[in-house]
């Protein structure tokens, strides 16, 4: 039997994270700055942007290079703690 804390992912790996927040002219640039604190090689060309149907919110899919479970958790904590971010999946 495998240990309970064993990860389902093999690290390092590319990991997509969905980040949603209210539409704001600086939202994408702000999220890029947060992610780059943890992933210096982050490729901004791989960001997928989806505005909500009403245009009040925007969703970004950012693909990070996660080096470990702890690294990924740090990225999630930084994103969820940012005041411009409503949801991180």
N, C-alpha and C. Protein backbone atom coordinates (compact mmCIF):
# COMPACT_ATOMS: atom_id res chain seq x y z
N UNK A 1 0.85 -1.18 0.00
CA UNK A 1 0.00 0.00 0.00
C UNK A 1 0.90 1.24 0.00
N UNK A 2 0.52 2.24 -0.77
CA UNK A 2 1.32 3.46 -0.88
C UNK A 2 1.02 4.41 0.27
N UNK A 3 1.99 5.27 0.62
CA UNK A 3 1.76 6.23 1.70
C UNK A 3 0.63 7.19 1.36
N UNK A 4 -0.06 7.65 2.39
CA UNK A 4 -1.21 8.55 2.21
C UNK A 4 -0.78 9.86 1.56
N UNK A 5 0.41 10.38 1.92
CA UNK A 5 0.82 11.68 1.41
C UNK A 5 1.50 11.61 0.04
N UNK A 6 1.50 10.46 -0.57
CA UNK A 6 2.11 10.33 -1.89
C UNK A 6 1.32 11.14 -2.91
N UNK A 7 2.02 11.90 -3.72
CA UNK A 7 1.37 12.77 -4.68
C UNK A 7 0.83 11.98 -5.87
N UNK A 8 -0.26 12.48 -6.45
CA UNK A 8 -0.80 11.89 -7.66
C UNK A 8 -0.04 12.38 -8.88
N UNK A 9 0.79 13.38 -8.70
CA UNK A 9 1.56 13.98 -9.78
C UNK A 9 3.02 13.63 -9.63
N UNK A 10 3.70 13.58 -10.76
CA UNK A 10 5.15 13.43 -10.74
C UNK A 10 5.75 14.80 -10.98
N UNK A 11 6.56 15.24 -10.05
CA UNK A 11 7.19 16.56 -10.13
C UNK A 11 8.61 16.42 -10.62
N UNK A 12 9.12 17.41 -11.35
CA UNK A 12 8.42 18.62 -11.80
C UNK A 12 7.42 18.31 -12.91
N UNK A 13 6.41 19.16 -13.02
CA UNK A 13 5.41 18.99 -14.07
C UNK A 13 4.79 20.35 -14.42
N UNK A 14 4.21 20.43 -15.61
CA UNK A 14 3.44 21.61 -16.00
C UNK A 14 2.05 21.44 -15.42
N UNK A 15 1.57 22.46 -14.73
CA UNK A 15 0.30 22.34 -14.03
C UNK A 15 -0.58 23.55 -14.33
N UNK A 16 -1.76 23.34 -14.94
CA UNK A 16 -2.66 24.46 -15.23
C UNK A 16 -3.44 24.89 -13.99
N UNK A 17 -3.51 26.19 -13.77
CA UNK A 17 -4.25 26.75 -12.65
C UNK A 17 -5.24 27.77 -13.22
N UNK A 18 -6.49 27.65 -12.81
CA UNK A 18 -7.51 28.63 -13.24
C UNK A 18 -7.65 29.68 -12.16
N UNK A 19 -7.55 30.94 -12.59
CA UNK A 19 -7.63 32.08 -11.67
C UNK A 19 -8.74 32.99 -12.16
N UNK A 20 -9.70 33.30 -11.27
CA UNK A 20 -10.81 34.16 -11.66
C UNK A 20 -10.90 35.39 -10.76
N UNK A 21 -11.28 36.50 -11.38
CA UNK A 21 -11.43 37.73 -10.62
C UNK A 21 -12.27 38.73 -11.40
N UNK A 22 -12.59 39.85 -10.75
CA UNK A 22 -13.35 40.90 -11.43
C UNK A 22 -12.51 41.49 -12.56
N UNK A 23 -13.17 41.85 -13.64
CA UNK A 23 -12.48 42.46 -14.77
C UNK A 23 -11.79 43.74 -14.31
N UNK A 24 -10.52 43.86 -14.65
CA UNK A 24 -9.72 45.02 -14.29
C UNK A 24 -8.60 45.12 -15.31
N UNK A 25 -8.25 46.31 -15.76
CA UNK A 25 -7.21 46.45 -16.79
C UNK A 25 -5.86 45.82 -16.40
N UNK A 26 -5.58 45.73 -15.11
CA UNK A 26 -4.29 45.19 -14.67
C UNK A 26 -4.36 43.76 -14.16
N UNK A 27 -5.52 43.11 -14.29
CA UNK A 27 -5.68 41.76 -13.71
C UNK A 27 -4.65 40.78 -14.26
N UNK A 28 -4.56 40.67 -15.57
CA UNK A 28 -3.63 39.69 -16.17
C UNK A 28 -2.19 39.97 -15.77
N UNK A 29 -1.78 41.23 -15.85
CA UNK A 29 -0.40 41.59 -15.51
C UNK A 29 -0.11 41.30 -14.04
N UNK A 30 -1.10 41.52 -13.18
CA UNK A 30 -0.93 41.26 -11.75
C UNK A 30 -0.75 39.77 -11.50
N UNK A 31 -1.57 38.95 -12.14
CA UNK A 31 -1.45 37.50 -11.97
C UNK A 31 -0.11 37.00 -12.49
N UNK A 32 0.33 37.54 -13.62
CA UNK A 32 1.65 37.18 -14.16
C UNK A 32 2.74 37.49 -13.14
N UNK A 33 2.68 38.66 -12.52
CA UNK A 33 3.70 39.05 -11.54
C UNK A 33 3.71 38.11 -10.34
N UNK A 34 2.53 37.69 -9.88
CA UNK A 34 2.46 36.76 -8.76
C UNK A 34 3.08 35.41 -9.14
N UNK A 35 2.69 34.90 -10.30
CA UNK A 35 3.21 33.59 -10.73
C UNK A 35 4.72 33.64 -10.96
N UNK A 36 5.21 34.73 -11.53
CA UNK A 36 6.65 34.83 -11.81
C UNK A 36 7.50 34.85 -10.54
N UNK A 37 6.92 35.18 -9.41
CA UNK A 37 7.66 35.10 -8.15
C UNK A 37 8.06 33.66 -7.84
N UNK A 38 7.29 32.70 -8.37
CA UNK A 38 7.52 31.29 -8.09
C UNK A 38 8.04 30.52 -9.29
N UNK A 39 7.82 31.05 -10.49
CA UNK A 39 8.21 30.36 -11.72
C UNK A 39 8.83 31.39 -12.67
N UNK A 40 10.14 31.56 -12.55
CA UNK A 40 10.85 32.58 -13.34
C UNK A 40 10.75 32.31 -14.84
N UNK A 41 10.57 31.07 -15.22
CA UNK A 41 10.47 30.71 -16.64
C UNK A 41 9.04 30.68 -17.15
N UNK A 42 8.11 31.23 -16.39
CA UNK A 42 6.69 31.22 -16.76
C UNK A 42 6.50 31.81 -18.16
N UNK A 43 5.79 31.07 -19.01
CA UNK A 43 5.56 31.48 -20.40
C UNK A 43 4.22 32.20 -20.51
N UNK A 44 4.27 33.53 -20.59
CA UNK A 44 3.04 34.33 -20.66
C UNK A 44 2.24 34.06 -21.94
N UNK A 45 2.89 33.52 -22.95
CA UNK A 45 2.20 33.22 -24.21
C UNK A 45 1.21 32.06 -24.04
N UNK A 46 1.36 31.30 -22.96
CA UNK A 46 0.48 30.15 -22.74
C UNK A 46 -0.76 30.48 -21.91
N UNK A 47 -0.93 31.73 -21.54
CA UNK A 47 -2.11 32.12 -20.74
C UNK A 47 -3.35 32.07 -21.62
N UNK A 48 -4.40 31.45 -21.10
CA UNK A 48 -5.69 31.46 -21.77
C UNK A 48 -6.60 32.41 -21.00
N UNK A 49 -7.27 33.31 -21.71
CA UNK A 49 -8.14 34.30 -21.09
C UNK A 49 -9.58 34.09 -21.54
N UNK A 50 -10.50 34.09 -20.56
CA UNK A 50 -11.92 33.95 -20.88
C UNK A 50 -12.73 34.96 -20.07
N UNK A 51 -13.27 35.98 -20.73
CA UNK A 51 -14.14 36.91 -20.01
C UNK A 51 -15.49 36.25 -19.73
N UNK A 52 -16.17 36.66 -18.67
CA UNK A 52 -17.51 36.14 -18.39
C UNK A 52 -18.48 36.70 -19.42
N UNK A 53 -19.64 36.08 -19.51
CA UNK A 53 -20.62 36.51 -20.52
C UNK A 53 -21.06 37.96 -20.30
N UNK A 54 -21.12 38.40 -19.04
CA UNK A 54 -21.50 39.77 -18.76
C UNK A 54 -20.33 40.74 -18.78
N UNK A 55 -19.13 40.20 -18.89
CA UNK A 55 -17.94 41.04 -18.94
C UNK A 55 -17.48 41.57 -17.59
N UNK A 56 -18.13 41.13 -16.50
CA UNK A 56 -17.75 41.62 -15.18
C UNK A 56 -16.57 40.87 -14.57
N UNK A 57 -16.34 39.65 -15.04
CA UNK A 57 -15.27 38.82 -14.51
C UNK A 57 -14.40 38.31 -15.65
N UNK A 58 -13.21 37.88 -15.28
CA UNK A 58 -12.31 37.28 -16.26
C UNK A 58 -11.69 36.04 -15.62
N UNK A 59 -11.52 35.02 -16.45
CA UNK A 59 -10.87 33.80 -16.00
C UNK A 59 -9.58 33.61 -16.78
N UNK A 60 -8.52 33.27 -16.07
CA UNK A 60 -7.24 33.00 -16.71
C UNK A 60 -6.85 31.57 -16.41
N UNK A 61 -6.28 30.90 -17.38
CA UNK A 61 -5.64 29.62 -17.12
C UNK A 61 -4.16 29.86 -17.31
N UNK A 62 -3.40 29.70 -16.22
CA UNK A 62 -1.96 29.87 -16.25
C UNK A 62 -1.32 28.50 -16.01
N UNK A 63 -0.36 28.14 -16.84
CA UNK A 63 0.31 26.86 -16.67
C UNK A 63 1.68 27.11 -16.07
N UNK A 64 1.87 26.60 -14.86
CA UNK A 64 3.13 26.81 -14.14
C UNK A 64 3.97 25.54 -14.17
N UNK A 65 5.25 25.71 -13.95
CA UNK A 65 6.16 24.57 -13.81
C UNK A 65 6.29 24.30 -12.32
N UNK A 66 5.54 23.31 -11.84
CA UNK A 66 5.54 22.97 -10.42
C UNK A 66 6.70 22.02 -10.13
N UNK A 67 7.54 22.41 -9.18
CA UNK A 67 8.72 21.61 -8.84
C UNK A 67 8.43 20.58 -7.76
N UNK A 68 7.42 20.84 -6.94
CA UNK A 68 7.04 19.93 -5.86
C UNK A 68 5.62 20.28 -5.41
N UNK A 69 5.07 19.44 -4.58
CA UNK A 69 3.74 19.73 -4.03
C UNK A 69 3.79 21.02 -3.21
N UNK A 70 4.85 21.21 -2.45
CA UNK A 70 5.00 22.40 -1.63
C UNK A 70 5.07 23.66 -2.50
N UNK A 71 5.80 23.55 -3.60
CA UNK A 71 5.93 24.67 -4.55
C UNK A 71 4.55 25.04 -5.10
N UNK A 72 3.79 24.04 -5.50
CA UNK A 72 2.45 24.26 -6.03
C UNK A 72 1.54 24.88 -4.96
N UNK A 73 1.64 24.39 -3.73
CA UNK A 73 0.85 24.95 -2.63
C UNK A 73 1.20 26.42 -2.40
N UNK A 74 2.49 26.76 -2.50
CA UNK A 74 2.92 28.15 -2.32
C UNK A 74 2.31 29.05 -3.39
N UNK A 75 2.27 28.57 -4.63
CA UNK A 75 1.67 29.34 -5.72
C UNK A 75 0.18 29.55 -5.46
N UNK A 76 -0.52 28.48 -5.07
CA UNK A 76 -1.95 28.58 -4.76
C UNK A 76 -2.20 29.56 -3.63
N UNK A 77 -1.40 29.51 -2.57
CA UNK A 77 -1.57 30.42 -1.44
C UNK A 77 -1.38 31.88 -1.87
N UNK A 78 -0.38 32.13 -2.68
CA UNK A 78 -0.12 33.49 -3.15
C UNK A 78 -1.28 34.01 -4.00
N UNK A 79 -1.81 33.14 -4.86
CA UNK A 79 -2.92 33.56 -5.72
C UNK A 79 -4.20 33.76 -4.92
N UNK A 80 -4.54 32.81 -4.05
CA UNK A 80 -5.79 32.93 -3.30
C UNK A 80 -5.73 34.08 -2.31
N UNK A 81 -4.54 34.47 -1.87
CA UNK A 81 -4.40 35.57 -0.93
C UNK A 81 -4.38 36.93 -1.57
N UNK A 82 -4.35 36.98 -2.90
CA UNK A 82 -4.30 38.28 -3.59
C UNK A 82 -5.68 38.91 -3.62
N UNK A 83 -5.78 40.22 -3.31
CA UNK A 83 -7.09 40.87 -3.25
C UNK A 83 -7.85 40.93 -4.59
N UNK A 84 -7.16 40.82 -5.72
CA UNK A 84 -7.85 40.88 -7.01
C UNK A 84 -8.44 39.52 -7.42
N UNK A 85 -8.07 38.48 -6.71
CA UNK A 85 -8.47 37.12 -7.07
C UNK A 85 -9.70 36.70 -6.29
N UNK A 86 -10.71 36.19 -7.03
CA UNK A 86 -11.93 35.70 -6.38
C UNK A 86 -11.86 34.19 -6.14
N UNK A 87 -11.39 33.43 -7.14
CA UNK A 87 -11.36 31.97 -7.07
C UNK A 87 -10.11 31.45 -7.75
N UNK A 88 -9.55 30.39 -7.17
CA UNK A 88 -8.42 29.68 -7.79
C UNK A 88 -8.79 28.20 -7.81
N UNK A 89 -8.69 27.59 -8.97
CA UNK A 89 -8.99 26.16 -9.12
C UNK A 89 -7.79 25.44 -9.70
